[in-house]
PDB file of N, CA and C in Angstrom:
ATOM      1  N   UNK A   1      77.708 114.602  52.566  1.00  0.00           N
ATOM      2  CA  UNK A   1      77.247 114.896  54.449  1.00  0.00           C
ATOM      3  C   UNK A   1      76.662 113.068  54.485  1.00  0.00           C
ATOM      4  N   UNK A   2      76.918 112.545  55.276  1.00  0.00           N
ATOM      5  CA  UNK A   2      76.388 110.802  55.879  1.00  0.00           C
ATOM      6  C   UNK A   2      75.599 111.154  56.831  1.00  0.00           C
ATOM      7  N   UNK A   3      74.488 109.975  56.860  1.00  0.00           N
ATOM      8  CA  UNK A   3      73.606 110.290  57.690  1.00  0.00           C
ATOM      9  C   UNK A   3      74.131 109.765  58.745  1.00  0.00           C
ATOM     10  N   UNK A   4      73.503 110.184  60.196  1.00  0.00           N
ATOM     11  CA  UNK A   4      73.596 109.446  61.606  1.00  0.00           C
ATOM     12  C   UNK A   4      73.055 108.432  61.643  1.00  0.00           C
ATOM     13  N   UNK A   5      73.263 107.556  61.764  1.00  0.00           N
ATOM     14  CA  UNK A   5      72.499 106.367  61.875  1.00  0.00           C
ATOM     15  C   UNK A   5      72.150 105.824  63.588  1.00  0.00           C
ATOM     16  N   UNK A   6      71.351 104.926  63.695  1.00  0.00           N
ATOM     17  CA  UNK A   6      71.237 105.114  65.191  1.00  0.00           C
ATOM     18  C   UNK A   6      71.250 103.705  65.507  1.00  0.00           C
ATOM     19  N   UNK A   7      72.055 103.556  66.671  1.00  0.00           N
ATOM     20  CA  UNK A   7      72.494 102.053  66.969  1.00  0.00           C
ATOM     21  C   UNK A   7      71.269 101.947  67.844  1.00  0.00           C
ATOM     22  N   UNK A   8      70.560 100.539  67.821  1.00  0.00           N
ATOM     23  CA  UNK A   8      69.250  99.946  68.748  1.00  0.00           C
ATOM     24  C   UNK A   8      70.237 100.147  69.922  1.00  0.00           C
ATOM     25  N   UNK A   9      69.222 100.270  70.916  1.00  0.00           N
ATOM     26  CA  UNK A   9      69.813  99.985  72.614  1.00  0.00           C
ATOM     27  C   UNK A   9      69.482  98.580  72.886  1.00  0.00           C
ATOM     28  N   UNK A  10      70.278  98.050  73.189  1.00  0.00           N
ATOM     29  CA  UNK A  10      70.238  96.628  73.749  1.00  0.00           C
ATOM     30  C   UNK A  10      69.351  96.590  74.868  1.00  0.00           C
ATOM     31  N   UNK A  11      68.227  95.724  74.642  1.00  0.00           N
ATOM     32  CA  UNK A  11      67.071  95.546  75.435  1.00  0.00           C
ATOM     33  C   UNK A  11      67.282  94.164  76.552  1.00  0.00           C
ATOM     34  N   UNK A  12      68.578  93.265  76.156  1.00  0.00           N
ATOM     35  CA  UNK A  12      68.130  92.322  77.127  1.00  0.00           C
ATOM     36  C   UNK A  12      69.574  92.332  77.815  1.00  0.00           C
ATOM     37  N   UNK A  13      69.260  92.139  79.290  1.00  0.00           N
ATOM     38  CA  UNK A  13      70.331  92.170  80.178  1.00  0.00           C
ATOM     39  C   UNK A  13      71.489  91.516  79.937  1.00  0.00           C
ATOM     40  N   UNK A  14      72.512  91.991  80.417  1.00  0.00           N
ATOM     41  CA  UNK A  14      73.897  91.587  80.181  1.00  0.00           C
ATOM     42  C   UNK A  14      74.355  90.593  81.769  1.00  0.00           C
ATOM     43  N   UNK A  15      74.595  89.561  81.167  1.00  0.00           N
ATOM     44  CA  UNK A  15      74.454  88.397  82.343  1.00  0.00           C
ATOM     45  C   UNK A  15      75.767  88.592  83.503  1.00  0.00           C
ATOM     46  N   UNK A  16      76.829  89.003  82.769  1.00  0.00           N
ATOM     47  CA  UNK A  16      78.109  89.370  83.649  1.00  0.00           C
ATOM     48  C   UNK A  16      77.550  90.731  84.310  1.00  0.00           C
ATOM     49  N   UNK A  17      76.704  91.679  84.084  1.00  0.00           N
ATOM     50  CA  UNK A  17      76.660  92.900  84.758  1.00  0.00           C
ATOM     51  C   UNK A  17      75.199  92.244  86.062  1.00  0.00           C
ATOM     52  N   UNK A  18      74.256  91.253  85.502  1.00  0.00           N
ATOM     53  CA  UNK A  18      73.419  91.146  86.511  1.00  0.00           C
ATOM     54  C   UNK A  18      73.883  90.124  87.665  1.00  0.00           C
ATOM     55  N   UNK A  19      75.187  89.731  87.156  1.00  0.00           N
ATOM     56  CA  UNK A  19      75.614  88.720  88.137  1.00  0.00           C
ATOM     57  C   UNK A  19      76.486  89.298  89.103  1.00  0.00           C
ATOM     58  N   UNK A  20      77.156  90.570  88.613  1.00  0.00           N
ATOM     59  CA  UNK A  20      77.814  91.640  89.799  1.00  0.00           C
ATOM     60  C   UNK A  20      77.017  92.181  90.582  1.00  0.00           C
ATOM     61  N   UNK A  21      75.909  92.764  90.276  1.00  0.00           N
ATOM     62  CA  UNK A  21      74.768  93.245  90.926  1.00  0.00           C
ATOM     63  C   UNK A  21      74.359  92.413  92.290  1.00  0.00           C
ATOM     64  N   UNK A  22      74.522  90.937  92.090  1.00  0.00           N
ATOM     65  CA  UNK A  22      74.056  90.558  93.243  1.00  0.00           C
ATOM     66  C   UNK A  22      75.244  89.840  94.203  1.00  0.00           C
ATOM     67  N   UNK A  23      76.561  90.182  93.702  1.00  0.00           N
ATOM     68  CA  UNK A  23      77.671  89.627  94.573  1.00  0.00           C
ATOM     69  C   UNK A  23      77.875  90.327  95.557  1.00  0.00           C
ATOM     70  N   UNK A  24      78.617  89.684  96.735  1.00  0.00           N
ATOM     71  CA  UNK A  24      78.938  90.163  97.853  1.00  0.00           C
ATOM     72  C   UNK A  24      79.917  91.124  97.606  1.00  0.00           C
ATOM     73  N   UNK A  25      80.808  91.148  97.024  1.00  0.00           N
ATOM     74  CA  UNK A  25      81.673  91.860  96.492  1.00  0.00           C
ATOM     75  C   UNK A  25      80.976  93.282  96.296  1.00  0.00           C
ATOM     76  N   UNK A  26      80.634  93.154  95.189  1.00  0.00           N
ATOM     77  CA  UNK A  26      80.129  94.612  95.174  1.00  0.00           C
ATOM     78  C   UNK A  26      78.788  95.074  96.122  1.00  0.00           C
ATOM     79  N   UNK A  27      78.655  94.112  96.630  1.00  0.00           N
ATOM     80  CA  UNK A  27      77.889  95.218  98.068  1.00  0.00           C
ATOM     81  C   UNK A  27      78.672  95.720  99.206  1.00  0.00           C
ATOM     82  N   UNK A  28      80.018  94.864  99.194  1.00  0.00           N
ATOM     83  CA  UNK A  28      81.011  95.555 100.255  1.00  0.00           C
ATOM     84  C   UNK A  28      81.211  96.800  99.766  1.00  0.00           C
ATOM     85  N   UNK A  29      81.666  96.751  98.207  1.00  0.00           N
ATOM     86  CA  UNK A  29      81.902  97.973  97.672  1.00  0.00           C
ATOM     87  C   UNK A  29      81.120  99.038  97.558  1.00  0.00           C
ATOM     88  N   UNK A  30      79.848  99.028  97.417  1.00  0.00           N
ATOM     89  CA  UNK A  30      78.741  99.683  97.638  1.00  0.00           C
ATOM     90  C   UNK A  30      78.802 100.257  99.205  1.00  0.00           C
ATOM     91  N   UNK A  31      78.715  99.665  99.959  1.00  0.00           N
ATOM     92  CA  UNK A  31      78.438  99.859 101.630  1.00  0.00           C
ATOM     93  C   UNK A  31      79.690 100.755 102.076  1.00  0.00           C
ATOM     94  N   UNK A  32      80.932 100.079 101.451  1.00  0.00           N
ATOM     95  CA  UNK A  32      82.354 101.002 101.564  1.00  0.00           C
ATOM     96  C   UNK A  32      81.949 102.199 101.273  1.00  0.00           C
ATOM     97  N   UNK A  33      81.825 102.330 100.196  1.00  0.00           N
ATOM     98  CA  UNK A  33      81.665 103.802  99.579  1.00  0.00           C
ATOM     99  C   UNK A  33      80.736 104.904  99.678  1.00  0.00           C
ATOM    100  N   UNK A  34      79.783 104.230 100.156  1.00  0.00           N
ATOM    101  CA  UNK A  34      78.122 105.090 100.115  1.00  0.00           C
ATOM    102  C   UNK A  34      77.878 105.222 101.676  1.00  0.00           C
ATOM    103  N   UNK A  35      77.834 104.116 102.111  1.00  0.00           N
ATOM    104  CA  UNK A  35      77.269 103.726 103.552  1.00  0.00           C
ATOM    105  C   UNK A  35      77.977 104.658 104.888  1.00  0.00           C
ATOM    106  N   UNK A  36      79.005 104.441 105.162  1.00  0.00           N
ATOM    107  CA  UNK A  36      80.032 104.869 105.832  1.00  0.00           C
ATOM    108  C   UNK A  36      80.197 106.770 105.671  1.00  0.00           C
ATOM    109  N   UNK A  37      79.814 107.429 106.788  1.00  0.00           N
ATOM    110  CA  UNK A  37      80.435 109.021 106.559  1.00  0.00           C
ATOM    111  C   UNK A  37      82.059 109.206 106.317  1.00  0.00           C
ATOM    112  N   UNK A  38      82.559 110.009 105.527  1.00  0.00           N
ATOM    113  CA  UNK A  38      84.128 110.464 105.331  1.00  0.00           C
ATOM    114  C   UNK A  38      84.865 110.023 106.673  1.00  0.00           C
ATOM    115  N   UNK A  39      84.346 111.036 107.523  1.00  0.00           N
ATOM    116  CA  UNK A  39      85.018 110.862 108.738  1.00  0.00           C
ATOM    117  C   UNK A  39      85.285 109.432 109.255  1.00  0.00           C
ATOM    118  N   UNK A  40      84.171 108.750 109.493  1.00  0.00           N
ATOM    119  CA  UNK A  40      84.022 107.076 109.811  1.00  0.00           C
ATOM    120  C   UNK A  40      85.599 106.734 109.175  1.00  0.00           C
ATOM    121  N   UNK A  41      85.176 106.614 108.026  1.00  0.00           N
ATOM    122  CA  UNK A  41      85.982 105.869 107.144  1.00  0.00           C
ATOM    123  C   UNK A  41      87.165 106.449 107.226  1.00  0.00           C
ATOM    124  N   UNK A  42      87.516 107.777 107.462  1.00  0.00           N
ATOM    125  CA  UNK A  42      89.031 107.935 107.506  1.00  0.00           C
ATOM    126  C   UNK A  42      89.698 107.616 108.728  1.00  0.00           C
ATOM    127  N   UNK A  43      88.724 107.618 109.851  1.00  0.00           N
ATOM    128  CA  UNK A  43      89.703 106.923 110.768  1.00  0.00           C
ATOM    129  C   UNK A  43      89.714 105.681 111.329  1.00  0.00           C
ATOM    130  N   UNK A  44      88.730 104.890 110.543  1.00  0.00           N
ATOM    131  CA  UNK A  44      88.417 103.386 110.867  1.00  0.00           C
ATOM    132  C   UNK A  44      89.776 102.265 110.176  1.00  0.00           C
ATOM    133  N   UNK A  45      90.204 102.862 109.074  1.00  0.00           N
ATOM    134  CA  UNK A  45      91.244 102.679 108.358  1.00  0.00           C
ATOM    135  C   UNK A  45      92.599 103.041 108.165  1.00  0.00           C
ATOM    136  N   UNK A  46      92.599 103.729 109.482  1.00  0.00           N
ATOM    137  CA  UNK A  46      94.010 104.977 109.253  1.00  0.00           C
ATOM    138  C   UNK A  46      95.164 103.872 109.982  1.00  0.00           C
ATOM    139  N   UNK A  47      96.115 103.607 109.120  1.00  0.00           N
ATOM    140  CA  UNK A  47      97.276 103.482 109.947  1.00  0.00           C
ATOM    141  C   UNK A  47      98.251 104.250 110.376  1.00  0.00           C
ATOM    142  N   UNK A  48      98.389 105.380 110.382  1.00  0.00           N
ATOM    143  CA  UNK A  48      99.019 106.266 111.264  1.00  0.00           C
ATOM    144  C   UNK A  48      97.730 107.408 111.837  1.00  0.00           C
ATOM    145  N   UNK A  49      97.781 107.715 113.067  1.00  0.00           N
ATOM    146  CA  UNK A  49      97.033 108.741 113.616  1.00  0.00           C
ATOM    147  C   UNK A  49      98.244 109.542 114.609  1.00  0.00           C
ATOM    148  N   UNK A  50      97.395 110.712 114.513  1.00  0.00           N
ATOM    149  CA  UNK A  50      98.351 111.877 115.315  1.00  0.00           C
ATOM    150  C   UNK A  50      97.788 111.677 117.028  1.00  0.00           C
ATOM    151  N   UNK A  51      98.407 111.613 117.802  1.00  0.00           N
ATOM    152  CA  UNK A  51      98.460 111.486 119.612  1.00  0.00           C
ATOM    153  C   UNK A  51      97.737 112.614 119.866  1.00  0.00           C
ATOM    154  N   UNK A  52      96.593 112.646 120.638  1.00  0.00           N
ATOM    155  CA  UNK A  52      95.643 113.079 121.554  1.00  0.00           C
ATOM    156  C   UNK A  52      96.879 114.383 122.601  1.00  0.00           C
ATOM    157  N   UNK A  53      96.289 115.236 121.745  1.00  0.00           N
ATOM    158  CA  UNK A  53      97.080 116.607 123.197  1.00  0.00           C
ATOM    159  C   UNK A  53      98.635 116.731 122.582  1.00  0.00           C
ATOM    160  N   UNK A  54      98.916 116.415 121.133  1.00  0.00           N
ATOM    161  CA  UNK A  54     100.308 116.973 120.720  1.00  0.00           C
ATOM    162  C   UNK A  54     100.456 118.384 120.640  1.00  0.00           C
ATOM    163  N   UNK A  55     101.195 118.880 120.730  1.00  0.00           N
ATOM    164  CA  UNK A  55     101.320 120.501 120.859  1.00  0.00           C
ATOM    165  C   UNK A  55     101.781 120.662 119.504  1.00  0.00           C
ATOM    166  N   UNK A  56     101.504 121.876 119.103  1.00  0.00           N
ATOM    167  CA  UNK A  56     101.629 122.560 117.301  1.00  0.00           C
ATOM    168  C   UNK A  56     102.987 122.344 117.251  1.00  0.00           C
ATOM    169  N   UNK A  57     104.244 123.028 118.278  1.00  0.00           N
ATOM    170  CA  UNK A  57     105.421 122.810 118.276  1.00  0.00           C
ATOM    171  C   UNK A  57     105.917 121.307 117.917  1.00  0.00           C
ATOM    172  N   UNK A  58     105.035 120.433 118.748  1.00  0.00           N
ATOM    173  CA  UNK A  58     105.829 119.282 118.327  1.00  0.00           C
ATOM    174  C   UNK A  58     105.471 118.422 117.254  1.00  0.00           C
ATOM    175  N   UNK A  59     104.330 118.875 116.857  1.00  0.00           N
ATOM    176  CA  UNK A  59     103.399 118.535 115.194  1.00  0.00           C
ATOM    177  C   UNK A  59     104.545 119.189 113.857  1.00  0.00           C
ATOM    178  N   UNK A  60     104.840 120.084 114.432  1.00  0.00           N
ATOM    179  CA  UNK A  60     105.526 121.154 113.149  1.00  0.00           C
ATOM    180  C   UNK A  60     106.935 120.195 113.360  1.00  0.00           C
ATOM    181  N   UNK A  61     107.456 120.247 114.470  1.00  0.00           N
ATOM    182  CA  UNK A  61     109.199 119.715 114.292  1.00  0.00           C
ATOM    183  C   UNK A  61     108.692 118.178 113.558  1.00  0.00           C
ATOM    184  N   UNK A  62     108.333 117.232 114.419  1.00  0.00           N
ATOM    185  CA  UNK A  62     107.829 116.219 113.388  1.00  0.00           C
ATOM    186  C   UNK A  62     107.490 116.079 111.985  1.00  0.00           C
ATOM    187  N   UNK A  63     107.014 117.310 111.621  1.00  0.00           N
ATOM    188  CA  UNK A  63     106.684 117.336 109.918  1.00  0.00           C
ATOM    189  C   UNK A  63     107.386 117.760 109.282  1.00  0.00           C
ATOM    190  N   UNK A  64     108.316 118.771 109.917  1.00  0.00           N
ATOM    191  CA  UNK A  64     109.661 119.189 109.511  1.00  0.00           C
ATOM    192  C   UNK A  64     110.635 117.463 109.045  1.00  0.00           C
ATOM    193  N   UNK A  65     110.384 116.686 110.193  1.00  0.00           N
ATOM    194  CA  UNK A  65     111.666 115.866 109.891  1.00  0.00           C
ATOM    195  C   UNK A  65     110.810 115.004 108.626  1.00  0.00           C
ATOM    196  N   UNK A  66     109.100 114.512 108.958  1.00  0.00           N
ATOM    197  CA  UNK A  66     109.051 113.778 107.740  1.00  0.00           C
ATOM    198  C   UNK A  66     109.592 114.459 106.645  1.00  0.00           C
ATOM    199  N   UNK A  67     109.264 115.698 106.128  1.00  0.00           N
ATOM    200  CA  UNK A  67     109.888 116.696 104.999  1.00  0.00           C
ATOM    201  C   UNK A  67     111.210 116.268 104.822  1.00  0.00           C
ATOM    202  N   UNK A  68     112.202 116.508 105.767  1.00  0.00           N
ATOM    203  CA  UNK A  68     113.332 116.244 105.243  1.00  0.00           C
ATOM    204  C   UNK A  68     113.803 114.818 104.525  1.00  0.00           C
ATOM    205  N   UNK A  69     112.891 113.966 105.552  1.00  0.00           N
ATOM    206  CA  UNK A  69     113.121 112.527 104.491  1.00  0.00           C
ATOM    207  C   UNK A  69     112.540 112.584 103.422  1.00  0.00           C
ATOM    208  N   UNK A  70     111.448 113.134 103.443  1.00  0.00           N
ATOM    209  CA  UNK A  70     110.891 112.922 101.499  1.00  0.00           C
ATOM    210  C   UNK A  70     111.619 113.745 100.754  1.00  0.00           C
ATOM    211  N   UNK A  71     112.568 114.824 101.111  1.00  0.00           N
ATOM    212  CA  UNK A  71     113.529 115.499 100.335  1.00  0.00           C
ATOM    213  C   UNK A  71     114.802 114.846  99.935  1.00  0.00           C
ATOM    214  N   UNK A  72     115.261 114.180 101.433  1.00  0.00           N
ATOM    215  CA  UNK A  72     116.183 113.236 100.782  1.00  0.00           C
ATOM    216  C   UNK A  72     116.103 112.205  99.962  1.00  0.00           C
ATOM    217  N   UNK A  73     114.598 111.756  99.880  1.00  0.00           N
ATOM    218  CA  UNK A  73     114.110 110.242  98.916  1.00  0.00           C
ATOM    219  C   UNK A  73     114.220 111.028  97.409  1.00  0.00           C
ATOM    220  N   UNK A  74     113.317 112.082  97.294  1.00  0.00           N
ATOM    221  CA  UNK A  74     113.014 112.863  96.279  1.00  0.00           C
ATOM    222  C   UNK A  74     114.612 112.906  95.907  1.00  0.00           C
ATOM    223  N   UNK A  75     115.409 113.703  96.265  1.00  0.00           N
ATOM    224  CA  UNK A  75     117.053 113.836  95.720  1.00  0.00           C
ATOM    225  C   UNK A  75     117.164 112.912  94.927  1.00  0.00           C
ATOM    226  N   UNK A  76     117.544 111.677  96.065  1.00  0.00           N
ATOM    227  CA  UNK A  76     117.938 110.492  95.533  1.00  0.00           C
ATOM    228  C   UNK A  76     117.272 109.778  94.200  1.00  0.00           C
ATOM    229  N   UNK A  77     116.173 109.759  94.195  1.00  0.00           N
ATOM    230  CA  UNK A  77     115.138 109.611  93.198  1.00  0.00           C
ATOM    231  C   UNK A  77     115.629 110.259  91.602  1.00  0.00           C
ATOM    232  N   UNK A  78     115.709 111.791  92.112  1.00  0.00           N
ATOM    233  CA  UNK A  78     115.991 112.065  90.663  1.00  0.00           C
ATOM    234  C   UNK A  78     117.359 112.436  90.140  1.00  0.00           C
ATOM    235  N   UNK A  79     118.464 111.795  91.105  1.00  0.00           N
ATOM    236  CA  UNK A  79     119.955 111.560  90.560  1.00  0.00           C
ATOM    237  C   UNK A  79     119.637 110.402  89.672  1.00  0.00           C
ATOM    238  N   UNK A  80     118.963 108.965  89.590  1.00  0.00           N
ATOM    239  CA  UNK A  80     118.620 108.196  88.792  1.00  0.00           C
ATOM    240  C   UNK A  80     117.907 108.329  87.805  1.00  0.00           C
ATOM    241  N   UNK A  81     117.020 109.820  87.470  1.00  0.00           N
ATOM    242  CA  UNK A  81     116.468 109.647  86.259  1.00  0.00           C
ATOM    243  C   UNK A  81     116.880 110.847  85.393  1.00  0.00           C
ATOM    244  N   UNK A  82     116.274 110.786  84.170  1.00  0.00           N
ATOM    245  CA  UNK A  82     116.708 111.561  83.299  1.00  0.00           C
ATOM    246  C   UNK A  82     115.287 112.266  82.390  1.00  0.00           C
ATOM    247  N   UNK A  83     115.530 113.096  82.147  1.00  0.00           N
ATOM    248  CA  UNK A  83     114.532 113.855  81.273  1.00  0.00           C
ATOM    249  C   UNK A  83     113.192 114.482  81.486  1.00  0.00           C
ATOM    250  N   UNK A  84     112.122 113.878  81.439  1.00  0.00           N
ATOM    251  CA  UNK A  84     110.754 114.461  81.994  1.00  0.00           C
ATOM    252  C   UNK A  84     110.427 114.353  83.369  1.00  0.00           C
ATOM    253  N   UNK A  85     110.854 112.579  83.469  1.00  0.00           N
ATOM    254  CA  UNK A  85     110.320 112.453  84.666  1.00  0.00           C
ATOM    255  C   UNK A  85     111.676 112.816  85.928  1.00  0.00           C
ATOM    256  N   UNK A  86     112.810 113.214  85.265  1.00  0.00           N
ATOM    257  CA  UNK A  86     114.125 113.925  86.543  1.00  0.00           C
ATOM    258  C   UNK A  86     113.378 115.272  86.637  1.00  0.00           C
ATOM    259  N   UNK A  87     112.687 115.783  85.857  1.00  0.00           N
ATOM    260  CA  UNK A  87     112.038 117.358  85.786  1.00  0.00           C
ATOM    261  C   UNK A  87     110.996 117.511  86.811  1.00  0.00           C
ATOM    262  N   UNK A  88     110.152 116.091  86.858  1.00  0.00           N
ATOM    263  CA  UNK A  88     108.919 116.061  87.693  1.00  0.00           C
ATOM    264  C   UNK A  88     109.651 116.020  89.074  1.00  0.00           C
ATOM    265  N   UNK A  89     110.810 115.395  89.280  1.00  0.00           N
ATOM    266  CA  UNK A  89     111.123 114.657  90.470  1.00  0.00           C
ATOM    267  C   UNK A  89     111.490 115.897  91.194  1.00  0.00           C
ATOM    268  N   UNK A  90     112.378 116.905  90.350  1.00  0.00           N
ATOM    269  CA  UNK A  90     113.095 118.170  91.196  1.00  0.00           C
ATOM    270  C   UNK A  90     111.794 118.975  91.044  1.00  0.00           C
ATOM    271  N   UNK A  91     110.584 119.183  90.605  1.00  0.00           N
ATOM    272  CA  UNK A  91     109.729 120.013  90.875  1.00  0.00           C
ATOM    273  C   UNK A  91     109.366 119.600  92.238  1.00  0.00           C
ATOM    274  N   UNK A  92     108.937 118.087  92.276  1.00  0.00           N
ATOM    275  CA  UNK A  92     108.438 117.677  93.402  1.00  0.00           C
ATOM    276  C   UNK A  92     109.322 118.088  94.873  1.00  0.00           C
ATOM    277  N   UNK A  93     110.842 118.038  94.720  1.00  0.00           N
ATOM    278  CA  UNK A  93     111.662 118.656  95.632  1.00  0.00           C
ATOM    279  C   UNK A  93     111.709 120.131  95.873  1.00  0.00           C
ATOM    280  N   UNK A  94     111.383 120.684  94.909  1.00  0.00           N
ATOM    281  CA  UNK A  94     110.939 122.041  95.276  1.00  0.00           C
ATOM    282  C   UNK A  94     109.594 122.302  96.071  1.00  0.00           C
ATOM    283  N   UNK A  95     108.772 121.797  95.375  1.00  0.00           N
ATOM    284  CA  UNK A  95     107.760 121.641  96.323  1.00  0.00           C
ATOM    285  C   UNK A  95     107.614 121.300  98.261  1.00  0.00           C
ATOM    286  N   UNK A  96     108.475 120.055  97.930  1.00  0.00           N
ATOM    287  CA  UNK A  96     108.848 119.659  99.405  1.00  0.00           C
ATOM    288  C   UNK A  96     109.732 120.553 100.204  1.00  0.00           C
ATOM    289  N   UNK A  97     110.756 121.145  99.730  1.00  0.00           N
ATOM    290  CA  UNK A  97     111.558 122.564 100.066  1.00  0.00           C
ATOM    291  C   UNK A  97     110.166 123.393 100.736  1.00  0.00           C
ATOM    292  N   UNK A  98     109.816 123.631  99.498  1.00  0.00           N
ATOM    293  CA  UNK A  98     108.968 124.855 100.121  1.00  0.00           C
ATOM    294  C   UNK A  98     108.051 124.880 101.515  1.00  0.00           C
ATOM    295  N   UNK A  99     107.690 123.355 101.587  1.00  0.00           N
ATOM    296  CA  UNK A  99     106.484 123.003 102.655  1.00  0.00           C
ATOM    297  C   UNK A  99     107.293 123.068 103.626  1.00  0.00           C
ATOM    298  N   UNK A 100     108.868 122.520 103.881  1.00  0.00           N
ATOM    299  CA  UNK A 100     109.978 122.192 104.897  1.00  0.00           C
ATOM    300  C   UNK A 100     109.903 123.856 105.441  1.00  0.00           C
ATOM    301  N   UNK A 101     110.126 124.486 104.323  1.00  0.00           N
ATOM    302  CA  UNK A 101     110.687 125.988 104.838  1.00  0.00           C
ATOM    303  C   UNK A 101     109.414 126.717 105.627  1.00  0.00           C
ATOM    304  N   UNK A 102     108.350 126.239 105.030  1.00  0.00           N
ATOM    305  CA  UNK A 102     106.658 126.863 106.294  1.00  0.00           C
ATOM    306  C   UNK A 102     107.016 126.228 106.974  1.00  0.00           C
ATOM    307  N   UNK A 103     106.932 125.058 107.445  1.00  0.00           N
ATOM    308  CA  UNK A 103     106.915 124.511 109.212  1.00  0.00           C
ATOM    309  C   UNK A 103     108.106 124.570 109.899  1.00  0.00           C
ATOM    310  N   UNK A 104     109.019 124.991 108.965  1.00  0.00           N
ATOM    311  CA  UNK A 104     110.489 125.486 109.895  1.00  0.00           C
ATOM    312  C   UNK A 104     110.066 126.979 110.622  1.00  0.00           C
ATOM    313  N   UNK A 105     109.587 127.995 109.435  1.00  0.00           N
ATOM    314  CA  UNK A 105     109.338 128.898 109.822  1.00  0.00           C
ATOM    315  C   UNK A 105     108.377 129.013 110.760  1.00  0.00           C
ATOM    316  N   UNK A 106     107.180 128.483 110.852  1.00  0.00           N
ATOM    317  CA  UNK A 106     106.376 127.995 111.851  1.00  0.00           C
ATOM    318  C   UNK A 106     106.818 127.717 113.204  1.00  0.00           C
ATOM    319  N   UNK A 107     107.863 126.800 113.431  1.00  0.00           N
ATOM    320  CA  UNK A 107     108.345 126.375 114.475  1.00  0.00           C
ATOM    321  C   UNK A 107     108.816 127.684 115.080  1.00  0.00           C
ATOM    322  N   UNK A 108     109.856 128.200 114.417  1.00  0.00           N
ATOM    323  CA  UNK A 108     110.921 129.355 114.552  1.00  0.00           C
ATOM    324  C   UNK A 108     109.696 130.473 115.139  1.00  0.00           C
ATOM    325  N   UNK A 109     108.974 130.860 114.623  1.00  0.00           N
ATOM    326  CA  UNK A 109     107.807 131.671 115.193  1.00  0.00           C
ATOM    327  C   UNK A 109     107.412 131.562 116.463  1.00  0.00           C
ATOM    328  N   UNK A 110     106.618 130.016 116.592  1.00  0.00           N
ATOM    329  CA  UNK A 110     105.875 129.650 117.878  1.00  0.00           C
ATOM    330  C   UNK A 110     106.779 129.633 119.063  1.00  0.00           C
ATOM    331  N   UNK A 111     108.264 129.336 118.629  1.00  0.00           N
ATOM    332  CA  UNK A 111     109.423 129.677 119.646  1.00  0.00           C
ATOM    333  C   UNK A 111     109.705 131.096 120.548  1.00  0.00           C
ATOM    334  N   UNK A 112     109.607 131.839 119.299  1.00  0.00           N
ATOM    335  CA  UNK A 112     109.796 133.182 119.660  1.00  0.00           C
ATOM    336  C   UNK A 112     108.455 133.746 120.157  1.00  0.00           C
ATOM    337  N   UNK A 113     107.278 133.424 119.657  1.00  0.00           N
ATOM    338  CA  UNK A 113     106.029 133.844 120.420  1.00  0.00           C
ATOM    339  C   UNK A 113     105.467 133.162 121.715  1.00  0.00           C
ATOM    340  N   UNK A 114     106.429 131.717 121.611  1.00  0.00           N
ATOM    341  CA  UNK A 114     105.596 131.147 123.131  1.00  0.00           C
ATOM    342  C   UNK A 114     106.888 131.297 123.834  1.00  0.00           C
ATOM    343  N   UNK A 115     107.835 131.532 123.737  1.00  0.00           N
ATOM    344  CA  UNK A 115     109.194 131.177 124.613  1.00  0.00           C
ATOM    345  C   UNK A 115     109.549 132.347 125.381  1.00  0.00           C
TER     346      UNK A 115
END
């Protein structure tokens, strides 16, 4: 059995790490991830936002269209892949189809209940 050797701790500060502590980029990163609340950060930097007053039916119809596009894209990608990548892409196709079916069923149920 070999004895465990202790590695002495480095007592000198690393110059590169010390330089990072005072850098503006480090401060911005810390501010971005630690200071703002999650809701503030998610609304400040969003490219896409949902329109106020959007009805459930409008939202679901739009979500169904987006899922249809994602489904077409995934099918197209799966056609050019082989092996495990193809299997993973076809798995994603299946998940998208299930989500689309759920959304479409919600739209149909809402139309029957509301209409």
